[in-house]
Amino acid sequence: MAVQHKSKISVEVELDENKVPEALNWSAEDGGVSNQSAKAMMLSVWDHNAQESLRIDLWTKDMPVDQMKVFFHQTLVSMSDTYYRATQDEKMSETMKDFCAYFAEKLNLNQ
């Protein structure tokens, strides 16, 4: 099957003199996003040849810790939803959501 369309998602990282991220911006033209600022990002890709995931985790040096905790919680919840859509494994998806609730409770995110 021939490729009908290509879509590009880009990330630009501005670094300080110590190569610590100061600014993150991303664009996804097909999604209507252009040079959108962000304070943190997590990107995972699957290397099917090596059978392993590869990751890029970045956050700016001014990302507040309380916001990082919320970011992690929301990412974990999203991953449980994605896991269900990809596998239809309801039991494990619900187990993951139980952990997300525990995570939020321990970090006092439900207040």
N, C-alpha and C. Protein backbone atom coordinates (compact mmCIF):
# COMPACT_ATOMS: atom_id res chain seq x y z
N MET A 1 0.85 -1.18 0.00
CA MET A 1 0.00 0.00 0.00
C MET A 1 0.89 1.24 0.00
N ALA A 2 0.62 2.17 -0.85
CA ALA A 2 1.41 3.39 -0.99
C ALA A 2 1.04 4.38 0.12
N VAL A 3 2.03 5.13 0.56
CA VAL A 3 1.81 6.16 1.55
C VAL A 3 0.95 7.26 0.94
N GLN A 4 -0.15 7.59 1.59
CA GLN A 4 -1.07 8.59 1.09
C GLN A 4 -0.76 9.99 1.64
N HIS A 5 -0.20 10.03 2.82
CA HIS A 5 0.03 11.31 3.48
C HIS A 5 1.11 11.14 4.54
N LYS A 6 1.93 12.14 4.71
CA LYS A 6 2.90 12.16 5.79
C LYS A 6 2.55 13.31 6.72
N SER A 7 2.73 13.08 8.00
CA SER A 7 2.45 14.09 9.00
C SER A 7 3.71 14.25 9.86
N LYS A 8 4.04 15.48 10.18
CA LYS A 8 5.25 15.75 10.92
C LYS A 8 4.93 16.36 12.28
N ILE A 9 5.55 15.82 13.30
CA ILE A 9 5.49 16.37 14.65
C ILE A 9 6.93 16.72 15.01
N SER A 10 7.14 17.97 15.45
CA SER A 10 8.51 18.37 15.78
C SER A 10 8.59 18.94 17.19
N VAL A 11 9.75 18.80 17.78
CA VAL A 11 10.04 19.32 19.12
C VAL A 11 11.32 20.14 19.04
N GLU A 12 11.27 21.33 19.60
CA GLU A 12 12.45 22.18 19.65
C GLU A 12 12.80 22.39 21.12
N VAL A 13 14.07 22.16 21.46
CA VAL A 13 14.54 22.29 22.83
C VAL A 13 15.61 23.37 22.88
N GLU A 14 15.40 24.36 23.73
CA GLU A 14 16.40 25.41 23.96
C GLU A 14 17.15 25.04 25.23
N LEU A 15 18.48 25.01 25.12
CA LEU A 15 19.34 24.59 26.23
C LEU A 15 20.16 25.75 26.76
N ASP A 16 20.46 25.68 28.06
CA ASP A 16 21.37 26.67 28.62
C ASP A 16 22.81 26.24 28.38
N GLU A 17 23.76 26.94 28.95
CA GLU A 17 25.17 26.65 28.72
C GLU A 17 25.59 25.27 29.24
N ASN A 18 24.79 24.71 30.18
CA ASN A 18 25.07 23.37 30.72
C ASN A 18 24.22 22.30 30.04
N LYS A 19 23.57 22.67 28.96
CA LYS A 19 22.72 21.76 28.18
C LYS A 19 21.51 21.27 28.97
N VAL A 20 21.01 22.13 29.86
CA VAL A 20 19.79 21.86 30.60
C VAL A 20 18.64 22.58 29.88
N PRO A 21 17.54 21.88 29.63
CA PRO A 21 16.44 22.53 28.90
C PRO A 21 15.89 23.78 29.61
N GLU A 22 15.81 24.85 28.85
CA GLU A 22 15.20 26.09 29.34
C GLU A 22 13.81 26.29 28.73
N ALA A 23 13.62 25.80 27.52
CA ALA A 23 12.33 25.94 26.85
C ALA A 23 12.09 24.75 25.94
N LEU A 24 10.83 24.34 25.88
CA LEU A 24 10.38 23.27 24.99
C LEU A 24 9.24 23.83 24.16
N ASN A 25 9.28 23.60 22.86
CA ASN A 25 8.20 23.99 21.96
C ASN A 25 7.94 22.85 21.00
N TRP A 26 6.68 22.64 20.68
CA TRP A 26 6.35 21.56 19.75
C TRP A 26 5.33 22.04 18.73
N SER A 27 5.36 21.37 17.59
CA SER A 27 4.46 21.69 16.50
C SER A 27 3.93 20.40 15.88
N ALA A 28 2.68 20.45 15.48
CA ALA A 28 2.03 19.35 14.75
C ALA A 28 1.02 20.00 13.82
N GLU A 29 1.48 20.32 12.63
CA GLU A 29 0.65 21.09 11.70
C GLU A 29 -0.71 20.44 11.44
N ASP A 30 -0.74 19.13 11.26
CA ASP A 30 -2.01 18.45 11.00
C ASP A 30 -2.98 18.56 12.17
N GLY A 31 -2.44 18.77 13.37
CA GLY A 31 -3.27 18.92 14.56
C GLY A 31 -3.55 20.37 14.90
N GLY A 32 -3.07 21.28 14.07
CA GLY A 32 -3.30 22.69 14.33
C GLY A 32 -2.43 23.28 15.42
N VAL A 33 -1.32 22.63 15.71
CA VAL A 33 -0.42 23.10 16.76
C VAL A 33 0.83 23.67 16.11
N SER A 34 1.16 24.91 16.48
CA SER A 34 2.34 25.56 15.92
C SER A 34 3.14 26.24 17.02
N ASN A 35 4.34 25.73 17.24
CA ASN A 35 5.27 26.34 18.20
C ASN A 35 4.64 26.52 19.58
N GLN A 36 3.98 25.47 20.06
CA GLN A 36 3.31 25.48 21.36
C GLN A 36 4.35 25.24 22.46
N SER A 37 4.33 26.10 23.47
CA SER A 37 5.24 25.98 24.60
C SER A 37 4.82 24.83 25.51
N ALA A 38 5.80 24.17 26.11
CA ALA A 38 5.55 23.11 27.09
C ALA A 38 6.64 23.17 28.15
N LYS A 39 6.36 22.64 29.31
CA LYS A 39 7.34 22.60 30.39
C LYS A 39 7.94 21.21 30.57
N ALA A 40 7.27 20.18 30.03
CA ALA A 40 7.78 18.82 30.16
C ALA A 40 7.23 17.97 29.03
N MET A 41 7.95 16.89 28.73
CA MET A 41 7.49 15.95 27.71
C MET A 41 8.08 14.57 27.97
N MET A 42 7.34 13.56 27.56
CA MET A 42 7.81 12.18 27.58
C MET A 42 7.46 11.59 26.23
N LEU A 43 8.46 11.03 25.58
CA LEU A 43 8.25 10.41 24.27
C LEU A 43 8.81 9.00 24.33
N SER A 44 7.98 8.04 23.98
CA SER A 44 8.41 6.64 23.91
C SER A 44 8.18 6.12 22.51
N VAL A 45 9.15 5.40 22.00
CA VAL A 45 9.02 4.74 20.71
C VAL A 45 9.43 3.28 20.87
N TRP A 46 8.85 2.44 20.05
CA TRP A 46 9.15 1.00 20.11
C TRP A 46 10.11 0.64 19.00
N ASP A 47 11.27 0.12 19.38
CA ASP A 47 12.25 -0.40 18.42
C ASP A 47 11.94 -1.87 18.24
N HIS A 48 11.27 -2.19 17.13
CA HIS A 48 10.84 -3.58 16.92
C HIS A 48 12.00 -4.52 16.67
N ASN A 49 13.11 -4.02 16.16
CA ASN A 49 14.27 -4.88 15.93
C ASN A 49 14.93 -5.29 17.25
N ALA A 50 15.11 -4.33 18.14
CA ALA A 50 15.74 -4.62 19.44
C ALA A 50 14.72 -5.10 20.47
N GLN A 51 13.41 -5.00 20.12
CA GLN A 51 12.34 -5.37 21.05
C GLN A 51 12.46 -4.63 22.38
N GLU A 52 12.60 -3.30 22.26
CA GLU A 52 12.69 -2.48 23.46
C GLU A 52 12.15 -1.08 23.19
N SER A 53 11.73 -0.44 24.26
CA SER A 53 11.26 0.93 24.11
C SER A 53 12.43 1.89 24.31
N LEU A 54 12.37 2.97 23.56
CA LEU A 54 13.37 4.03 23.65
C LEU A 54 12.61 5.28 24.10
N ARG A 55 13.25 6.06 24.98
CA ARG A 55 12.52 7.18 25.56
C ARG A 55 13.33 8.46 25.56
N ILE A 56 12.59 9.55 25.50
CA ILE A 56 13.14 10.87 25.73
C ILE A 56 12.24 11.51 26.78
N ASP A 57 12.79 11.82 27.93
CA ASP A 57 12.08 12.51 28.99
C ASP A 57 12.78 13.84 29.23
N LEU A 58 12.07 14.93 29.02
CA LEU A 58 12.66 16.25 29.18
C LEU A 58 11.72 17.14 29.98
N TRP A 59 12.28 18.02 30.77
CA TRP A 59 11.51 19.05 31.45
C TRP A 59 12.41 20.25 31.63
N THR A 60 11.78 21.42 31.62
CA THR A 60 12.55 22.65 31.76
C THR A 60 12.96 22.83 33.21
N LYS A 61 14.03 23.59 33.41
CA LYS A 61 14.53 23.76 34.76
C LYS A 61 13.58 24.56 35.65
N ASP A 62 12.60 25.24 35.05
CA ASP A 62 11.64 25.97 35.87
C ASP A 62 10.30 25.23 36.01
N MET A 63 10.27 23.94 35.66
CA MET A 63 9.06 23.14 35.85
C MET A 63 8.85 22.91 37.33
N PRO A 64 7.74 23.40 37.91
CA PRO A 64 7.50 23.21 39.34
C PRO A 64 7.27 21.74 39.68
N VAL A 65 7.77 21.31 40.81
CA VAL A 65 7.64 19.92 41.25
C VAL A 65 6.18 19.53 41.41
N ASP A 66 5.34 20.41 41.94
CA ASP A 66 3.93 20.06 42.11
C ASP A 66 3.26 19.82 40.76
N GLN A 67 3.64 20.58 39.73
CA GLN A 67 3.09 20.35 38.40
C GLN A 67 3.66 19.07 37.78
N MET A 68 4.91 18.74 38.10
CA MET A 68 5.50 17.49 37.60
C MET A 68 4.75 16.29 38.16
N LYS A 69 4.34 16.36 39.42
CA LYS A 69 3.58 15.27 40.02
C LYS A 69 2.24 15.09 39.30
N VAL A 70 1.56 16.18 39.00
CA VAL A 70 0.29 16.12 38.26
C VAL A 70 0.53 15.58 36.86
N PHE A 71 1.60 16.04 36.21
CA PHE A 71 1.95 15.58 34.86
C PHE A 71 2.15 14.06 34.86
N PHE A 72 2.88 13.54 35.83
CA PHE A 72 3.09 12.10 35.91
C PHE A 72 1.77 11.37 36.12
N HIS A 73 0.94 11.87 37.03
CA HIS A 73 -0.33 11.21 37.30
C HIS A 73 -1.19 11.17 36.04
N GLN A 74 -1.33 12.30 35.38
CA GLN A 74 -2.15 12.34 34.16
C GLN A 74 -1.59 11.44 33.07
N THR A 75 -0.26 11.36 32.98
CA THR A 75 0.38 10.48 32.00
C THR A 75 0.08 9.02 32.31
N LEU A 76 0.14 8.65 33.58
CA LEU A 76 -0.16 7.26 33.97
C LEU A 76 -1.61 6.91 33.66
N VAL A 77 -2.55 7.81 33.95
CA VAL A 77 -3.96 7.57 33.65
C VAL A 77 -4.14 7.39 32.15
N SER A 78 -3.51 8.27 31.39
CA SER A 78 -3.60 8.20 29.93
C SER A 78 -3.03 6.88 29.42
N MET A 79 -1.93 6.44 30.01
CA MET A 79 -1.32 5.18 29.58
C MET A 79 -2.25 3.99 29.85
N SER A 80 -2.99 4.03 30.96
CA SER A 80 -3.92 2.92 31.23
C SER A 80 -5.04 2.91 30.20
N ASP A 81 -5.50 4.09 29.78
CA ASP A 81 -6.52 4.15 28.72
C ASP A 81 -5.97 3.65 27.39
N THR A 82 -4.76 4.07 27.06
CA THR A 82 -4.12 3.63 25.82
C THR A 82 -3.88 2.13 25.84
N TYR A 83 -3.44 1.61 26.98
CA TYR A 83 -3.21 0.18 27.12
C TYR A 83 -4.50 -0.60 26.82
N TYR A 84 -5.62 -0.12 27.37
CA TYR A 84 -6.89 -0.80 27.11
C TYR A 84 -7.27 -0.76 25.63
N ARG A 85 -7.14 0.42 25.01
CA ARG A 85 -7.49 0.55 23.59
C ARG A 85 -6.61 -0.36 22.72
N ALA A 86 -5.35 -0.53 23.11
CA ALA A 86 -4.42 -1.33 22.31
C ALA A 86 -4.58 -2.82 22.53
N THR A 87 -5.00 -3.23 23.74
CA THR A 87 -5.00 -4.66 24.08
C THR A 87 -6.38 -5.24 24.41
N GLN A 88 -7.34 -4.37 24.73
CA GLN A 88 -8.65 -4.80 25.22
C GLN A 88 -8.54 -5.62 26.52
N ASP A 89 -7.43 -5.47 27.25
CA ASP A 89 -7.20 -6.17 28.51
C ASP A 89 -7.79 -5.32 29.64
N GLU A 90 -9.08 -5.53 29.88
CA GLU A 90 -9.80 -4.71 30.87
C GLU A 90 -9.27 -4.92 32.29
N LYS A 91 -8.95 -6.16 32.64
CA LYS A 91 -8.49 -6.45 34.00
C LYS A 91 -7.20 -5.69 34.31
N MET A 92 -6.23 -5.73 33.42
CA MET A 92 -4.96 -5.04 33.69
C MET A 92 -5.14 -3.53 33.61
N SER A 93 -5.98 -3.08 32.72
CA SER A 93 -6.25 -1.64 32.62
C SER A 93 -6.84 -1.12 33.92
N GLU A 94 -7.79 -1.85 34.48
CA GLU A 94 -8.38 -1.45 35.76
C GLU A 94 -7.35 -1.51 36.90
N THR A 95 -6.46 -2.48 36.85
CA THR A 95 -5.39 -2.57 37.85
C THR A 95 -4.47 -1.35 37.75
N MET A 96 -4.18 -0.94 36.52
CA MET A 96 -3.36 0.25 36.33
C MET A 96 -4.07 1.49 36.87
N LYS A 97 -5.38 1.58 36.64
CA LYS A 97 -6.15 2.72 37.15
C LYS A 97 -6.20 2.72 38.67
N ASP A 98 -6.25 1.53 39.27
CA ASP A 98 -6.19 1.44 40.73
C ASP A 98 -4.86 2.02 41.23
N PHE A 99 -3.78 1.68 40.53
CA PHE A 99 -2.48 2.24 40.92
C PHE A 99 -2.48 3.76 40.77
N CYS A 100 -3.11 4.26 39.69
CA CYS A 100 -3.18 5.71 39.47
C CYS A 100 -3.91 6.40 40.62
N ALA A 101 -4.98 5.79 41.10
CA ALA A 101 -5.71 6.34 42.24
C ALA A 101 -4.84 6.34 43.49
N TYR A 102 -4.11 5.25 43.70
CA TYR A 102 -3.18 5.16 44.84
C TYR A 102 -2.09 6.22 44.72
N PHE A 103 -1.54 6.39 43.55
CA PHE A 103 -0.50 7.38 43.26
C PHE A 103 -1.02 8.78 43.61
N ALA A 104 -2.23 9.11 43.15
CA ALA A 104 -2.82 10.42 43.42
C ALA A 104 -3.07 10.61 44.91
N GLU A 105 -3.53 9.56 45.58
CA GLU A 105 -3.77 9.64 47.02
C GLU A 105 -2.47 9.92 47.77
N LYS A 106 -1.44 9.19 47.46
CA LYS A 106 -0.15 9.33 48.17
C LYS A 106 0.48 10.70 47.93
N LEU A 107 0.20 11.31 46.77
CA LEU A 107 0.74 12.64 46.47
C LEU A 107 -0.24 13.76 46.82
N ASN A 108 -1.36 13.39 47.41
CA ASN A 108 -2.40 14.35 47.79
C ASN A 108 -2.85 15.18 46.58
N LEU A 109 -3.06 14.52 45.46
CA LEU A 109 -3.49 15.21 44.24
C LEU A 109 -5.01 15.34 44.15
N ASN A 110 -5.74 14.64 45.01
CA ASN A 110 -7.20 14.64 44.94
C ASN A 110 -7.84 15.73 45.78
N GLN A 111 -7.08 16.69 46.20
CA GLN A 111 -7.64 17.74 47.07
C GLN A 111 -8.22 18.86 46.27
